[in-house]
Each structure stands twice: as structure tokens, then as C-alpha cells.
Amino acid sequence: MSENIEQQCGTLRELVSDYTFKTIDGEVSLSNLIGEKGDLFVIHNMGRGCVYCTMWADGLNGMLPHLEDRAAVVLASPDDPQTQQEFAQSRQWKFRMISTQGSGFSKDMGFEPKPGEHWPGVSAFHQNEDGSIIRSGKAVFGPGDEYSAAWHMFALLRDGANGWEPKYTY
């Protein structure tokens, strides 16, 4: 079963640089984010201007303790650290936040196909004993994907989602 899941989730073995990111507390490296866990999920988020990204992050926030039991987790967006902190607080998110502003990280990981155009998704990283970092998996988020349970719940309804779209408040 795990082979099938790995194939669906885009398992990779791609060597990456030790990127540096901005946070509300200063700069932090990718290796520092991985920390003692040895593994890291980076949730690629388009920022506060995307209701879909907000819905994914809301759902993943509820799973955060489960995810962090196995790996480190951060939410990355192109928003500046202050904007990230304010928006995270308004959503009651518990994620560590990193800003990809001024870094080639999102582009290099395939989540910024054009300058200023960001895609949502997730990348998984592992730090080897020699300190090298590999991206071990990635997935792009989109309506109906397996990373947001709401779509699958709506699929059970007679008319499915029926044009429903997420909002910041209901």
C-alpha cells in the first residue's frame, strides 16, 4: 500500500539548497526548520489573498499536532512576515510561518511558475546525516484534491459542491 501512496504523492529524491527565509523573528534556514525531526513539510500557500489556500490551511491546522508528531511543519507564503502573523492570528493558525519573499524557493520548487504567480501545495524534505537536504515528495493543491476533506464531503451530496466556493467567513 505505501508504494501506491508514494506514487500518488509524487515521491522524489531531489537534492535542494539550504534556503534562507524571513520570519517574524528574523531569518531561518531550511535545515534549521527541519531540525531534530529530520523531516519537514512545507505547505506552499498563496497568502492571505486566496480563500482556497485559507481553506486548506484551516484544515491542515486541525491536523497540525498529528503531523508534527512525525515531522516539522511550516506554512510558506509570499506575504511579508508581519502580514503572515496578523493573518495567522485572525485564523487561529498554529503553524510556524516563513516568508518566501526575496528567495527563489517557490520558483525552484515549482510553486511559482511565473513571477508573482504562486500555486498552493506541499513539499516534503529530509535532511541526510551528511547535512544534505532532499525534497522527498510534493503535491499541488486544487479543488477536489485529497488535502481538503470538504470537497469529498460535498461529493456525497446529491448535487455535489453545486458551485460552492470557500469564503473567509460564513
C-alpha atoms as a PDB file:
ATOM      1  CA  MET A   1       0.000   0.000   0.000  1.00  0.00           C
ATOM      2  CA  SER A   2       2.766   2.507   0.823  1.00  0.00           C
ATOM      3  CA  GLU A   3       4.242   2.213  -2.691  1.00  0.00           C
ATOM      4  CA  ASN A   4       0.888   3.190  -4.187  1.00  0.00           C
ATOM      5  CA  ILE A   5       0.553   6.151  -1.815  1.00  0.00           C
ATOM      6  CA  GLU A   6       4.123   7.234  -2.598  1.00  0.00           C
ATOM      7  CA  GLN A   7       3.416   7.101  -6.346  1.00  0.00           C
ATOM      8  CA  GLN A   8       0.252   9.187  -5.948  1.00  0.00           C
ATOM      9  CA  CYS A   9       2.018  11.782  -3.822  1.00  0.00           C
ATOM     10  CA  GLY A  10       4.917  12.445  -6.175  1.00  0.00           C
ATOM     11  CA  THR A  11       7.812  10.831  -4.321  1.00  0.00           C
ATOM     12  CA  LEU A  12      11.147  12.416  -5.261  1.00  0.00           C
ATOM     13  CA  ARG A  13      14.797  12.259  -4.314  1.00  0.00           C
ATOM     14  CA  GLU A  14      15.803  15.773  -5.357  1.00  0.00           C
ATOM     15  CA  LEU A  15      18.811  17.492  -3.747  1.00  0.00           C
ATOM     16  CA  VAL A  16      17.999  21.087  -2.712  1.00  0.00           C
ATOM     17  CA  SER A  17      19.889  24.055  -1.323  1.00  0.00           C
ATOM     18  CA  ASP A  18      19.701  25.191   2.282  1.00  0.00           C
ATOM     19  CA  TYR A  19      17.432  28.169   1.560  1.00  0.00           C
ATOM     20  CA  THR A  20      17.031  31.095   3.956  1.00  0.00           C
ATOM     21  CA  PHE A  21      13.603  32.536   4.767  1.00  0.00           C
ATOM     22  CA  LYS A  22      12.222  35.589   6.552  1.00  0.00           C
ATOM     23  CA  THR A  23      10.129  35.101   9.691  1.00  0.00           C
ATOM     24  CA  ILE A  24       8.616  37.449  12.243  1.00  0.00           C
ATOM     25  CA  ASP A  25      11.661  36.643  14.439  1.00  0.00           C
ATOM     26  CA  GLY A  26      14.334  37.107  11.747  1.00  0.00           C
ATOM     27  CA  GLU A  27      15.876  34.745   9.220  1.00  0.00           C
ATOM     28  CA  VAL A  28      15.836  30.955   9.389  1.00  0.00           C
ATOM     29  CA  SER A  29      17.395  28.286   7.176  1.00  0.00           C
ATOM     30  CA  LEU A  30      15.681  25.253   5.697  1.00  0.00           C
ATOM     31  CA  SER A  31      17.998  22.979   7.692  1.00  0.00           C
ATOM     32  CA  ASN A  32      17.044  24.794  10.893  1.00  0.00           C
ATOM     33  CA  LEU A  33      13.351  24.318  10.093  1.00  0.00           C
ATOM     34  CA  ILE A  34      13.914  20.585   9.600  1.00  0.00           C
ATOM     35  CA  GLY A  35      15.601  20.440  12.983  1.00  0.00           C
ATOM     36  CA  GLU A  36      15.812  17.289  15.043  1.00  0.00           C
ATOM     37  CA  LYS A  37      12.808  15.681  13.344  1.00  0.00           C
ATOM     38  CA  GLY A  38      14.898  15.092  10.218  1.00  0.00           C
ATOM     39  CA  ASP A  39      11.799  15.633   8.039  1.00  0.00           C
ATOM     40  CA  LEU A  40       9.788  18.734   7.166  1.00  0.00           C
ATOM     41  CA  PHE A  41       6.511  19.555   5.451  1.00  0.00           C
ATOM     42  CA  VAL A  42       6.416  22.977   3.780  1.00  0.00           C
ATOM     43  CA  ILE A  43       2.852  23.988   2.994  1.00  0.00           C
ATOM     44  CA  HIS A  44       3.025  26.287  -0.026  1.00  0.00           C
ATOM     45  CA  ASN A  45       0.299  28.893   0.444  1.00  0.00           C
ATOM     46  CA  MET A  46      -0.550  31.760  -1.900  1.00  0.00           C
ATOM     47  CA  GLY A  47      -1.038  34.126   1.024  1.00  0.00           C
ATOM     48  CA  ARG A  48      -3.873  35.993   2.623  1.00  0.00           C
ATOM     49  CA  GLY A  49      -5.455  36.866  -0.715  1.00  0.00           C
ATOM     50  CA  CYS A  50      -6.536  33.296  -1.517  1.00  0.00           C
ATOM     51  CA  VAL A  51      -9.684  31.821   0.055  1.00  0.00           C
ATOM     52  CA  TYR A  52      -8.812  28.361  -1.275  1.00  0.00           C
ATOM     53  CA  CYS A  53      -5.367  28.431   0.342  1.00  0.00           C
ATOM     54  CA  THR A  54      -7.002  29.644   3.526  1.00  0.00           C
ATOM     55  CA  MET A  55      -9.384  26.663   3.492  1.00  0.00           C
ATOM     56  CA  TRP A  56      -6.506  24.188   3.025  1.00  0.00           C
ATOM     57  CA  ALA A  57      -4.530  25.807   5.824  1.00  0.00           C
ATOM     58  CA  ASP A  58      -7.598  25.840   8.101  1.00  0.00           C
ATOM     59  CA  GLY A  59      -7.969  22.092   7.606  1.00  0.00           C
ATOM     60  CA  LEU A  60      -4.273  21.310   7.948  1.00  0.00           C
ATOM     61  CA  ASN A  61      -4.142  23.458  11.093  1.00  0.00           C
ATOM     62  CA  GLY A  62      -6.536  20.974  12.700  1.00  0.00           C
ATOM     63  CA  MET A  63      -4.173  18.137  11.772  1.00  0.00           C
ATOM     64  CA  LEU A  64      -1.052  20.012  12.896  1.00  0.00           C
ATOM     65  CA  PRO A  65      -0.426  18.087  16.158  1.00  0.00           C
ATOM     66  CA  HIS A  66      -0.656  14.790  14.259  1.00  0.00           C
ATOM     67  CA  LEU A  67       1.682  15.977  11.508  1.00  0.00           C
ATOM     68  CA  GLU A  68       4.178  17.471  13.966  1.00  0.00           C
ATOM     69  CA  ASP A  69       4.370  14.190  15.857  1.00  0.00           C
ATOM     70  CA  ARG A  70       6.164  12.785  12.799  1.00  0.00           C
ATOM     71  CA  ALA A  71       7.778  15.783  11.069  1.00  0.00           C
ATOM     72  CA  ALA A  72       8.377  19.513  11.389  1.00  0.00           C
ATOM     73  CA  VAL A  73       5.747  21.674   9.632  1.00  0.00           C
ATOM     74  CA  VAL A  74       5.821  25.250   8.320  1.00  0.00           C
ATOM     75  CA  LEU A  75       3.488  27.318   6.181  1.00  0.00           C
ATOM     76  CA  ALA A  76       5.235  29.356   3.473  1.00  0.00           C
ATOM     77  CA  SER A  77       3.734  32.262   1.557  1.00  0.00           C
ATOM     78  CA  PRO A  78       4.945  35.269  -0.417  1.00  0.00           C
ATOM     79  CA  ASP A  79       3.412  37.611   2.180  1.00  0.00           C
ATOM     80  CA  ASP A  80       5.799  39.539   4.422  1.00  0.00           C
ATOM     81  CA  PRO A  81       6.220  38.144   7.971  1.00  0.00           C
ATOM     82  CA  GLN A  82       4.059  40.829   9.623  1.00  0.00           C
ATOM     83  CA  THR A  83       1.159  40.177   7.229  1.00  0.00           C
ATOM     84  CA  GLN A  84       1.578  36.435   7.773  1.00  0.00           C
ATOM     85  CA  GLN A  85       1.474  36.805  11.543  1.00  0.00           C
ATOM     86  CA  GLU A  86      -1.627  39.004  11.503  1.00  0.00           C
ATOM     87  CA  PHE A  87      -3.484  36.694   9.121  1.00  0.00           C
ATOM     88  CA  ALA A  88      -2.440  33.546  11.014  1.00  0.00           C
ATOM     89  CA  GLN A  89      -3.677  35.068  14.262  1.00  0.00           C
ATOM     90  CA  SER A  90      -7.011  36.003  12.671  1.00  0.00           C
ATOM     91  CA  ARG A  91      -7.424  32.340  11.559  1.00  0.00           C
ATOM     92  CA  GLN A  92      -6.072  30.919  14.842  1.00  0.00           C
ATOM     93  CA  TRP A  93      -3.396  29.011  12.934  1.00  0.00           C
ATOM     94  CA  LYS A  94      -0.659  27.379  14.975  1.00  0.00           C
ATOM     95  CA  PHE A  95       1.803  26.946  12.079  1.00  0.00           C
ATOM     96  CA  ARG A  96       5.318  28.255  12.128  1.00  0.00           C
ATOM     97  CA  MET A  97       5.318  30.754   9.261  1.00  0.00           C
ATOM     98  CA  ILE A  98       8.026  31.560   6.715  1.00  0.00           C
ATOM     99  CA  SER A  99       8.029  34.191   4.000  1.00  0.00           C
ATOM    100  CA  THR A 100       9.425  33.257   0.614  1.00  0.00           C
ATOM    101  CA  GLN A 101       9.807  36.933  -0.362  1.00  0.00           C
ATOM    102  CA  GLY A 102      13.193  37.591  -1.928  1.00  0.00           C
ATOM    103  CA  SER A 103      14.039  33.899  -2.232  1.00  0.00           C
ATOM    104  CA  GLY A 104      13.957  31.635  -5.264  1.00  0.00           C
ATOM    105  CA  PHE A 105      12.470  28.844  -3.170  1.00  0.00           C
ATOM    106  CA  SER A 106       8.898  28.859  -4.548  1.00  0.00           C
ATOM    107  CA  LYS A 107      10.130  29.086  -8.144  1.00  0.00           C
ATOM    108  CA  ASP A 108      12.762  26.394  -7.657  1.00  0.00           C
ATOM    109  CA  MET A 109      10.220  24.053  -6.047  1.00  0.00           C
ATOM    110  CA  GLY A 110       7.770  24.569  -8.951  1.00  0.00           C
ATOM    111  CA  PHE A 111       5.198  26.588  -6.999  1.00  0.00           C
ATOM    112  CA  GLU A 112       5.865  29.917  -8.768  1.00  0.00           C
ATOM    113  CA  PRO A 113       5.630  29.082 -12.481  1.00  0.00           C
ATOM    114  CA  LYS A 114       5.697  32.789 -13.428  1.00  0.00           C
ATOM    115  CA  PRO A 115       6.975  35.727 -11.374  1.00  0.00           C
ATOM    116  CA  GLY A 116       4.306  36.674  -8.855  1.00  0.00           C
ATOM    117  CA  GLU A 117       2.043  33.701  -9.742  1.00  0.00           C
ATOM    118  CA  HIS A 118       2.026  31.298  -6.822  1.00  0.00           C
ATOM    119  CA  TRP A 119       0.487  27.835  -6.581  1.00  0.00           C
ATOM    120  CA  PRO A 120      -0.616  26.051  -3.406  1.00  0.00           C
ATOM    121  CA  GLY A 121       0.684  22.650  -2.404  1.00  0.00           C
ATOM    122  CA  VAL A 122       3.094  20.837  -0.148  1.00  0.00           C
ATOM    123  CA  SER A 123       6.724  19.746  -0.324  1.00  0.00           C
ATOM    124  CA  ALA A 124       8.351  17.198   1.961  1.00  0.00           C
ATOM    125  CA  PHE A 125      12.052  17.436   2.833  1.00  0.00           C
ATOM    126  CA  HIS A 126      14.545  15.165   4.571  1.00  0.00           C
ATOM    127  CA  GLN A 127      17.987  16.051   5.902  1.00  0.00           C
ATOM    128  CA  ASN A 128      20.577  13.324   5.443  1.00  0.00           C
ATOM    129  CA  GLU A 129      23.243  12.510   8.022  1.00  0.00           C
ATOM    130  CA  ASP A 130      25.820  14.431   5.942  1.00  0.00           C
ATOM    131  CA  GLY A 131      23.644  17.584   6.201  1.00  0.00           C
ATOM    132  CA  SER A 132      22.432  17.477   2.601  1.00  0.00           C
ATOM    133  CA  ILE A 133      18.735  18.109   2.069  1.00  0.00           C
ATOM    134  CA  ILE A 134      16.481  16.284  -0.368  1.00  0.00           C
ATOM    135  CA  ARG A 135      12.931  17.003  -1.383  1.00  0.00           C
ATOM    136  CA  SER A 136      11.301  13.622  -0.950  1.00  0.00           C
ATOM    137  CA  GLY A 137       7.809  14.471  -2.203  1.00  0.00           C
ATOM    138  CA  LYS A 138       5.474  17.174  -3.463  1.00  0.00           C
ATOM    139  CA  ALA A 139       1.843  17.703  -4.371  1.00  0.00           C
ATOM    140  CA  VAL A 140      -0.072  20.635  -5.854  1.00  0.00           C
ATOM    141  CA  PHE A 141      -3.352  21.567  -4.153  1.00  0.00           C
ATOM    142  CA  GLY A 142      -6.512  22.162  -6.168  1.00  0.00           C
ATOM    143  CA  PRO A 143     -10.299  21.996  -5.703  1.00  0.00           C
ATOM    144  CA  GLY A 144     -11.367  18.398  -5.146  1.00  0.00           C
ATOM    145  CA  ASP A 145      -7.938  17.145  -4.052  1.00  0.00           C
ATOM    146  CA  GLU A 146      -7.342  14.786  -1.156  1.00  0.00           C
ATOM    147  CA  TYR A 147      -5.858  17.550   1.015  1.00  0.00           C
ATOM    148  CA  SER A 148      -9.215  19.208   1.760  1.00  0.00           C
ATOM    149  CA  ALA A 149     -11.958  16.991   3.154  1.00  0.00           C
ATOM    150  CA  ALA A 150     -14.733  19.499   2.346  1.00  0.00           C
ATOM    151  CA  TRP A 151     -14.737  18.589  -1.353  1.00  0.00           C
ATOM    152  CA  HIS A 152     -15.149  14.905  -0.581  1.00  0.00           C
ATOM    153  CA  MET A 153     -17.952  15.612   1.861  1.00  0.00           C
ATOM    154  CA  PHE A 154     -19.741  17.732  -0.767  1.00  0.00           C
ATOM    155  CA  ALA A 155     -19.320  14.905  -3.301  1.00  0.00           C
ATOM    156  CA  LEU A 156     -21.684  12.846  -1.133  1.00  0.00           C
ATOM    157  CA  LEU A 157     -24.492  15.362  -1.636  1.00  0.00           C
ATOM    158  CA  ARG A 158     -26.999  14.829  -4.448  1.00  0.00           C
ATOM    159  CA  ASP A 159     -25.761  17.899  -6.347  1.00  0.00           C
ATOM    160  CA  GLY A 160     -22.139  17.725  -5.169  1.00  0.00           C
ATOM    161  CA  ALA A 161     -20.463  21.054  -4.412  1.00  0.00           C
ATOM    162  CA  ASN A 162     -23.076  22.750  -6.641  1.00  0.00           C
ATOM    163  CA  GLY A 163     -20.888  25.788  -7.373  1.00  0.00           C
ATOM    164  CA  TRP A 164     -19.777  26.222  -3.751  1.00  0.00           C
ATOM    165  CA  GLU A 165     -16.562  28.152  -3.173  1.00  0.00           C
ATOM    166  CA  PRO A 166     -14.763  28.819   0.105  1.00  0.00           C
ATOM    167  CA  LYS A 167     -15.033  32.163   1.884  1.00  0.00           C
ATOM    168  CA  TYR A 168     -13.123  33.811   4.708  1.00  0.00           C
ATOM    169  CA  THR A 169     -16.277  33.924   6.846  1.00  0.00           C
ATOM    170  CA  TYR A 170     -19.713  32.322   6.601  1.00  0.00           C
END
